[in-house]
PDB file of N, CA and C in Angstrom:
ATOM      1  N   MET A   1     130.937 -12.209 -24.269  1.00  0.00           N
ATOM      2  CA  MET A   1     129.763 -12.640 -23.538  1.00  0.00           C
ATOM      3  C   MET A   1     129.942 -12.323 -22.056  1.00  0.00           C
ATOM      4  N   LYS A   2     128.829 -12.047 -21.420  1.00  0.00           N
ATOM      5  CA  LYS A   2     128.830 -11.757 -19.991  1.00  0.00           C
ATOM      6  C   LYS A   2     128.022 -12.830 -19.274  1.00  0.00           C
ATOM      7  N   ASN A   3     128.672 -13.594 -18.389  1.00  0.00           N
ATOM      8  CA  ASN A   3     128.000 -14.538 -17.512  1.00  0.00           C
ATOM      9  C   ASN A   3     127.216 -15.605 -18.285  1.00  0.00           C
ATOM     10  N   VAL A   4     127.735 -16.033 -19.425  1.00  0.00           N
ATOM     11  CA  VAL A   4     127.082 -17.072 -20.227  1.00  0.00           C
ATOM     12  C   VAL A   4     128.116 -18.140 -20.545  1.00  0.00           C
ATOM     13  N   GLU A   5     127.801 -19.378 -20.221  1.00  0.00           N
ATOM     14  CA  GLU A   5     128.639 -20.515 -20.599  1.00  0.00           C
ATOM     15  C   GLU A   5     127.818 -21.402 -21.520  1.00  0.00           C
ATOM     16  N   LEU A   6     128.366 -21.717 -22.680  1.00  0.00           N
ATOM     17  CA  LEU A   6     127.690 -22.566 -23.651  1.00  0.00           C
ATOM     18  C   LEU A   6     128.478 -23.856 -23.818  1.00  0.00           C
ATOM     19  N   SER A   7     127.764 -24.963 -23.928  1.00  0.00           N
ATOM     20  CA  SER A   7     128.426 -26.222 -24.267  1.00  0.00           C
ATOM     21  C   SER A   7     127.532 -26.984 -25.229  1.00  0.00           C
ATOM     22  N   ILE A   8     128.168 -27.683 -26.154  1.00  0.00           N
ATOM     23  CA  ILE A   8     127.451 -28.466 -27.160  1.00  0.00           C
ATOM     24  C   ILE A   8     127.893 -29.908 -27.032  1.00  0.00           C
ATOM     25  N   ASN A   9     126.917 -30.800 -26.913  1.00  0.00           N
ATOM     26  CA  ASN A   9     127.170 -32.236 -26.862  1.00  0.00           C
ATOM     27  C   ASN A   9     126.282 -32.869 -27.924  1.00  0.00           C
ATOM     28  N   GLY A  10     126.890 -33.226 -29.059  1.00  0.00           N
ATOM     29  CA  GLY A  10     126.094 -33.710 -30.187  1.00  0.00           C
ATOM     30  C   GLY A  10     125.244 -32.571 -30.722  1.00  0.00           C
ATOM     31  N   ASP A  11     123.933 -32.749 -30.691  1.00  0.00           N
ATOM     32  CA  ASP A  11     123.020 -31.706 -31.147  1.00  0.00           C
ATOM     33  C   ASP A  11     122.320 -31.004 -29.992  1.00  0.00           C
ATOM     34  N   ILE A  12     122.859 -31.119 -28.782  1.00  0.00           N
ATOM     35  CA  ILE A  12     122.251 -30.498 -27.606  1.00  0.00           C
ATOM     36  C   ILE A  12     123.108 -29.316 -27.150  1.00  0.00           C
ATOM     37  N   LEU A  13     122.492 -28.141 -27.129  1.00  0.00           N
ATOM     38  CA  LEU A  13     123.137 -26.927 -26.633  1.00  0.00           C
ATOM     39  C   LEU A  13     122.700 -26.715 -25.189  1.00  0.00           C
ATOM     40  N   THR A  14     123.666 -26.556 -24.293  1.00  0.00           N
ATOM     41  CA  THR A  14     123.382 -26.275 -22.888  1.00  0.00           C
ATOM     42  C   THR A  14     123.888 -24.873 -22.576  1.00  0.00           C
ATOM     43  N   ILE A  15     123.023 -24.091 -21.954  1.00  0.00           N
ATOM     44  CA  ILE A  15     123.345 -22.712 -21.592  1.00  0.00           C
ATOM     45  C   ILE A  15     123.386 -22.621 -20.077  1.00  0.00           C
ATOM     46  N   LYS A  16     124.461 -22.065 -19.536  1.00  0.00           N
ATOM     47  CA  LYS A  16     124.600 -21.921 -18.090  1.00  0.00           C
ATOM     48  C   LYS A  16     124.769 -20.441 -17.755  1.00  0.00           C
ATOM     49  N   VAL A  17     123.889 -19.933 -16.864  1.00  0.00           N
ATOM     50  CA  VAL A  17     123.910 -18.540 -16.431  1.00  0.00           C
ATOM     51  C   VAL A  17     123.812 -18.521 -14.915  1.00  0.00           C
ATOM     52  N   ASP A  18     124.683 -17.761 -14.261  1.00  0.00           N
ATOM     53  CA  ASP A  18     124.623 -17.591 -12.809  1.00  0.00           C
ATOM     54  C   ASP A  18     123.652 -16.449 -12.511  1.00  0.00           C
ATOM     55  N   LEU A  19     122.461 -16.785 -12.019  1.00  0.00           N
ATOM     56  CA  LEU A  19     121.415 -15.790 -11.785  1.00  0.00           C
ATOM     57  C   LEU A  19     121.705 -14.889 -10.589  1.00  0.00           C
ATOM     58  N   SER A  20     122.737 -15.195  -9.820  1.00  0.00           N
ATOM     59  CA  SER A  20     123.080 -14.343  -8.674  1.00  0.00           C
ATOM     60  C   SER A  20     123.933 -13.140  -9.076  1.00  0.00           C
ATOM     61  N   LYS A  21     124.439 -13.118 -10.297  1.00  0.00           N
ATOM     62  CA  LYS A  21     125.288 -12.008 -10.756  1.00  0.00           C
ATOM     63  C   LYS A  21     124.452 -10.932 -11.435  1.00  0.00           C
ATOM     64  N   SER A  22     125.000  -9.728 -11.502  1.00  0.00           N
ATOM     65  CA  SER A  22     124.384  -8.660 -12.278  1.00  0.00           C
ATOM     66  C   SER A  22     125.487  -7.727 -12.786  1.00  0.00           C
ATOM     67  N   PHE A  23     125.180  -7.044 -13.876  1.00  0.00           N
ATOM     68  CA  PHE A  23     126.153  -6.152 -14.510  1.00  0.00           C
ATOM     69  C   PHE A  23     125.633  -4.724 -14.591  1.00  0.00           C
ATOM     70  N   GLY A  24     124.720  -4.391 -13.679  1.00  0.00           N
ATOM     71  CA  GLY A  24     124.217  -3.030 -13.618  1.00  0.00           C
ATOM     72  C   GLY A  24     123.040  -2.803 -14.543  1.00  0.00           C
ATOM     73  N   ALA A  25     122.651  -1.548 -14.622  1.00  0.00           N
ATOM     74  CA  ALA A  25     121.474  -1.161 -15.391  1.00  0.00           C
ATOM     75  C   ALA A  25     121.729  -1.241 -16.892  1.00  0.00           C
ATOM     76  N   SER A  26     120.649  -1.507 -17.625  1.00  0.00           N
ATOM     77  CA  SER A  26     120.709  -1.477 -19.085  1.00  0.00           C
ATOM     78  C   SER A  26     120.883  -0.031 -19.546  1.00  0.00           C
ATOM     79  N   ALA A  27     121.091   0.158 -20.834  1.00  0.00           N
ATOM     80  CA  ALA A  27     121.270   1.507 -21.372  1.00  0.00           C
ATOM     81  C   ALA A  27     120.046   2.380 -21.102  1.00  0.00           C
ATOM     82  N   SER A  28     118.858   1.801 -21.146  1.00  0.00           N
ATOM     83  CA  SER A  28     117.637   2.567 -20.907  1.00  0.00           C
ATOM     84  C   SER A  28     117.363   2.765 -19.421  1.00  0.00           C
ATOM     85  N   GLY A  29     118.005   1.948 -18.574  1.00  0.00           N
ATOM     86  CA  GLY A  29     117.784   2.030 -17.144  1.00  0.00           C
ATOM     87  C   GLY A  29     116.532   1.312 -16.676  1.00  0.00           C
ATOM     88  N   LYS A  30     115.851   0.614 -17.583  1.00  0.00           N
ATOM     89  CA  LYS A  30     114.601  -0.059 -17.248  1.00  0.00           C
ATOM     90  C   LYS A  30     114.798  -1.466 -16.703  1.00  0.00           C
ATOM     91  N   SER A  31     116.004  -1.993 -16.788  1.00  0.00           N
ATOM     92  CA  SER A  31     116.249  -3.351 -16.303  1.00  0.00           C
ATOM     93  C   SER A  31     117.692  -3.495 -15.833  1.00  0.00           C
ATOM     94  N   ILE A  32     117.929  -4.568 -15.060  1.00  0.00           N
ATOM     95  CA  ILE A  32     119.259  -4.914 -14.578  1.00  0.00           C
ATOM     96  C   ILE A  32     119.745  -6.105 -15.395  1.00  0.00           C
ATOM     97  N   ILE A  33     120.908  -5.992 -15.991  1.00  0.00           N
ATOM     98  CA  ILE A  33     121.448  -7.048 -16.847  1.00  0.00           C
ATOM     99  C   ILE A  33     122.081  -8.132 -15.988  1.00  0.00           C
ATOM    100  N   ILE A  34     121.675  -9.390 -16.227  1.00  0.00           N
ATOM    101  CA  ILE A  34     122.238 -10.543 -15.522  1.00  0.00           C
ATOM    102  C   ILE A  34     123.219 -11.287 -16.415  1.00  0.00           C
ATOM    103  N   ALA A  35     122.876 -11.430 -17.696  1.00  0.00           N
ATOM    104  CA  ALA A  35     123.749 -12.142 -18.639  1.00  0.00           C
ATOM    105  C   ALA A  35     123.408 -11.715 -20.055  1.00  0.00           C
ATOM    106  N   SER A  36     124.385 -11.804 -20.945  1.00  0.00           N
ATOM    107  CA  SER A  36     124.146 -11.439 -22.339  1.00  0.00           C
ATOM    108  C   SER A  36     125.223 -12.034 -23.246  1.00  0.00           C
ATOM    109  N   THR A  37     124.807 -12.402 -24.441  1.00  0.00           N
ATOM    110  CA  THR A  37     125.782 -12.780 -25.464  1.00  0.00           C
ATOM    111  C   THR A  37     126.293 -11.536 -26.180  1.00  0.00           C
ATOM    112  N   GLU A  38     125.733 -10.383 -25.842  1.00  0.00           N
ATOM    113  CA  GLU A  38     126.112  -9.090 -26.421  1.00  0.00           C
ATOM    114  C   GLU A  38     125.950  -9.099 -27.937  1.00  0.00           C
ATOM    115  N   GLY A  39     124.782  -9.498 -28.378  1.00  0.00           N
ATOM    116  CA  GLY A  39     124.485  -9.608 -29.802  1.00  0.00           C
ATOM    117  C   GLY A  39     124.396 -11.070 -30.208  1.00  0.00           C
ATOM    118  N   ASN A  40     124.341 -11.310 -31.488  1.00  0.00           N
ATOM    119  CA  ASN A  40     124.259 -12.688 -31.978  1.00  0.00           C
ATOM    120  C   ASN A  40     125.638 -13.326 -31.984  1.00  0.00           C
ATOM    121  N   TYR A  41     125.691 -14.569 -31.533  1.00  0.00           N
ATOM    122  CA  TYR A  41     126.935 -15.316 -31.409  1.00  0.00           C
ATOM    123  C   TYR A  41     126.806 -16.604 -32.214  1.00  0.00           C
ATOM    124  N   THR A  42     127.734 -16.848 -33.133  1.00  0.00           N
ATOM    125  CA  THR A  42     127.732 -18.079 -33.915  1.00  0.00           C
ATOM    126  C   THR A  42     128.358 -19.190 -33.097  1.00  0.00           C
ATOM    127  N   LEU A  43     127.657 -20.298 -32.975  1.00  0.00           N
ATOM    128  CA  LEU A  43     128.155 -21.438 -32.210  1.00  0.00           C
ATOM    129  C   LEU A  43     129.365 -22.032 -32.916  1.00  0.00           C
ATOM    130  N   PRO A  44     130.410 -22.389 -32.173  1.00  0.00           N
ATOM    131  CA  PRO A  44     131.640 -22.913 -32.777  1.00  0.00           C
ATOM    132  C   PRO A  44     131.370 -24.167 -33.617  1.00  0.00           C
ATOM    133  N   ASP A  45     131.914 -24.182 -34.819  1.00  0.00           N
ATOM    134  CA  ASP A  45     131.813 -25.319 -35.738  1.00  0.00           C
ATOM    135  C   ASP A  45     130.372 -25.671 -36.099  1.00  0.00           C
ATOM    136  N   ARG A  46     129.460 -24.696 -36.028  1.00  0.00           N
ATOM    137  CA  ARG A  46     128.041 -24.906 -36.330  1.00  0.00           C
ATOM    138  C   ARG A  46     127.537 -23.757 -37.192  1.00  0.00           C
ATOM    139  N   GLU A  47     126.377 -23.927 -37.800  1.00  0.00           N
ATOM    140  CA  GLU A  47     125.732 -22.865 -38.568  1.00  0.00           C
ATOM    141  C   GLU A  47     124.815 -22.014 -37.699  1.00  0.00           C
ATOM    142  N   GLU A  48     124.389 -22.559 -36.561  1.00  0.00           N
ATOM    143  CA  GLU A  48     123.418 -21.886 -35.708  1.00  0.00           C
ATOM    144  C   GLU A  48     124.031 -20.696 -34.982  1.00  0.00           C
ATOM    145  N   LYS A  49     123.144 -19.748 -34.678  1.00  0.00           N
ATOM    146  CA  LYS A  49     123.530 -18.566 -33.911  1.00  0.00           C
ATOM    147  C   LYS A  49     122.621 -18.482 -32.689  1.00  0.00           C
ATOM    148  N   ILE A  50     123.106 -17.793 -31.661  1.00  0.00           N
ATOM    149  CA  ILE A  50     122.304 -17.556 -30.469  1.00  0.00           C
ATOM    150  C   ILE A  50     122.424 -16.089 -30.087  1.00  0.00           C
ATOM    151  N   GLY A  51     121.303 -15.518 -29.669  1.00  0.00           N
ATOM    152  CA  GLY A  51     121.258 -14.171 -29.119  1.00  0.00           C
ATOM    153  C   GLY A  51     120.521 -14.256 -27.798  1.00  0.00           C
ATOM    154  N   LEU A  52     121.192 -13.983 -26.691  1.00  0.00           N
ATOM    155  CA  LEU A  52     120.605 -14.194 -25.371  1.00  0.00           C
ATOM    156  C   LEU A  52     120.769 -12.969 -24.495  1.00  0.00           C
ATOM    157  N   ASN A  53     119.690 -12.568 -23.845  1.00  0.00           N
ATOM    158  CA  ASN A  53     119.716 -11.535 -22.820  1.00  0.00           C
ATOM    159  C   ASN A  53     118.906 -12.050 -21.635  1.00  0.00           C
ATOM    160  N   VAL A  54     119.494 -11.990 -20.444  1.00  0.00           N
ATOM    161  CA  VAL A  54     118.782 -12.318 -19.222  1.00  0.00           C
ATOM    162  C   VAL A  54     118.796 -11.069 -18.367  1.00  0.00           C
ATOM    163  N   TYR A  55     117.604 -10.626 -17.920  1.00  0.00           N
ATOM    164  CA  TYR A  55     117.525  -9.378 -17.161  1.00  0.00           C
ATOM    165  C   TYR A  55     116.359  -9.454 -16.190  1.00  0.00           C
ATOM    166  N   LYS A  56     116.324  -8.471 -15.281  1.00  0.00           N
ATOM    167  CA  LYS A  56     115.225  -8.373 -14.324  1.00  0.00           C
ATOM    168  C   LYS A  56     114.891  -6.904 -14.102  1.00  0.00           C
ATOM    169  N   LYS A  57     113.742  -6.670 -13.507  1.00  0.00           N
ATOM    170  CA  LYS A  57     113.347  -5.304 -13.174  1.00  0.00           C
ATOM    171  C   LYS A  57     114.183  -4.825 -11.995  1.00  0.00           C
ATOM    172  N   PRO A  58     114.511  -3.524 -11.980  1.00  0.00           N
ATOM    173  CA  PRO A  58     115.299  -2.990 -10.857  1.00  0.00           C
ATOM    174  C   PRO A  58     114.530  -2.997  -9.546  1.00  0.00           C
TER     175      PRO A  58
END
């Protein structure tokens, strides 16, 4: 994962992303990547999965 912090408290998932960071252009060059789970991520000790991308226009 890039710039993504996940925490679970009971049944509440909290996602933390630092919006001041960036990881350069996407593969298509149409956006700037801020954070990503880099595909689907299974939450520890849970059945749920998360897929997250945070991006902005260049």
